[in-house]
Amino acid sequence: MEVCTGHAQLLDLAQAVDRTMKEFRLETFYTEPSFHVSLAWCVGDLTGQMEECIQEMQRLIDDHEEGPFLLRLDCVELRCSTGNKTFRFPLEP
């Protein structure tokens, strides 16, 4: 899902990181960054096993295409994946 609110602030942060990368003569990440949230991901192609869940999530998103909406998920852990690193944050019940 694409980030709508706060895009300018996220772009400012990405540009600050890019400036630092350039100072160390390293490549920057993206010329046109895309700020988004992945609601689900897995290693490998598990489309067959996940088909029902994928359809349900797609219906939810399709029903709210016209604007922002509240999404609540029952989760025990939050994972943030960036580059080749994944950070895990256990959630309290």
Protein backbone atom coordinates (compact mmCIF):
# COMPACT_ATOMS: atom_id res chain seq x y z
CA MET A 1 0.00 0.00 0.00
CA GLU A 2 1.42 3.34 -1.01
CA VAL A 3 2.02 5.97 1.67
CA CYS A 4 -0.12 9.05 1.06
CA THR A 5 0.28 11.17 4.19
CA GLY A 6 3.79 12.26 5.18
CA HIS A 7 5.33 11.66 1.75
CA ALA A 8 7.24 14.99 1.86
CA GLN A 9 8.71 14.20 5.28
CA LEU A 10 9.80 10.72 4.17
CA LEU A 11 11.36 12.20 1.04
CA ASP A 12 13.30 14.68 3.21
CA LEU A 13 14.66 11.77 5.27
CA ALA A 14 15.61 9.78 2.18
CA GLN A 15 17.42 12.79 0.74
CA ALA A 16 19.34 13.25 4.01
CA VAL A 17 20.47 9.62 3.80
CA ASP A 18 21.44 10.13 0.15
CA ARG A 19 23.59 13.15 1.05
CA THR A 20 25.42 11.06 3.65
CA MET A 21 25.93 8.23 1.18
CA LYS A 22 27.42 10.69 -1.34
CA GLU A 23 29.82 12.04 1.31
CA PHE A 24 31.24 8.53 1.60
CA ARG A 25 31.27 8.11 -2.18
CA LEU A 26 28.60 5.43 -2.00
CA GLU A 27 25.63 4.89 -4.28
CA THR A 28 22.34 6.41 -3.24
CA PHE A 29 19.30 4.16 -2.89
CA TYR A 30 16.69 5.31 -5.39
CA THR A 31 16.33 8.27 -7.72
CA GLU A 32 12.56 8.17 -7.20
CA PRO A 33 11.84 6.45 -3.87
CA SER A 34 8.53 4.70 -3.40
CA PHE A 35 7.23 4.77 0.16
CA HIS A 36 4.94 1.87 0.83
CA VAL A 37 3.85 -0.76 3.30
CA SER A 38 3.72 -4.44 2.47
CA LEU A 39 0.89 -6.08 4.36
CA ALA A 40 2.22 -9.56 3.69
CA TRP A 41 5.32 -11.08 2.20
CA CYS A 42 7.07 -14.42 2.24
CA VAL A 43 10.12 -16.10 0.79
CA GLY A 44 9.33 -18.03 -2.37
CA ASP A 45 6.10 -18.33 -4.32
CA LEU A 46 3.38 -19.38 -1.89
CA THR A 47 0.54 -17.94 -3.96
CA GLY A 48 -1.37 -21.24 -3.93
CA GLN A 49 -1.30 -21.59 -0.16
CA MET A 50 -2.10 -17.90 0.39
CA GLU A 51 -4.80 -17.48 -2.28
CA GLU A 52 -7.73 -17.10 0.13
CA CYS A 53 -5.88 -14.59 2.30
CA ILE A 54 -4.69 -12.63 -0.75
CA GLN A 55 -8.23 -12.41 -2.13
CA GLU A 56 -9.59 -11.23 1.21
CA MET A 57 -6.94 -8.54 1.52
CA GLN A 58 -7.51 -7.44 -2.08
CA ARG A 59 -11.28 -7.11 -1.45
CA LEU A 60 -10.59 -5.00 1.64
CA ILE A 61 -8.30 -2.68 -0.31
CA ASP A 62 -10.62 -2.51 -3.32
CA ASP A 63 -13.52 -1.52 -1.07
CA HIS A 64 -11.55 1.48 0.21
CA GLU A 65 -9.74 2.72 -2.90
CA GLU A 66 -11.33 6.14 -2.72
CA GLY A 67 -9.56 7.32 0.43
CA PRO A 68 -7.95 6.56 3.75
CA PHE A 69 -9.38 3.89 6.01
CA LEU A 70 -8.65 2.28 9.34
CA LEU A 71 -7.10 -1.17 9.14
CA ARG A 72 -6.77 -3.32 12.23
CA LEU A 73 -4.78 -6.53 12.19
CA ASP A 74 -4.44 -9.10 14.95
CA CYS A 75 -0.65 -9.50 15.17
CA VAL A 76 1.87 -10.83 17.64
CA GLU A 77 4.95 -9.42 15.92
CA LEU A 78 5.92 -6.57 13.62
CA ARG A 79 8.71 -7.13 11.14
CA CYS A 80 10.47 -4.32 9.33
CA SER A 81 12.43 -5.40 6.29
CA THR A 82 14.80 -2.95 4.68
CA GLY A 83 17.47 -3.98 2.22
CA ASN A 84 18.82 -7.34 3.34
CA LYS A 85 17.96 -6.86 7.03
CA THR A 86 14.81 -7.73 8.92
CA PHE A 87 14.04 -6.28 12.34
CA ARG A 88 11.52 -8.01 14.64
CA PHE A 89 9.41 -6.20 17.21
CA PRO A 90 7.31 -8.40 19.49
CA LEU A 91 3.96 -6.84 20.33
CA GLU A 92 2.39 -6.91 23.76
CA PRO A 93 -1.13 -8.43 23.97
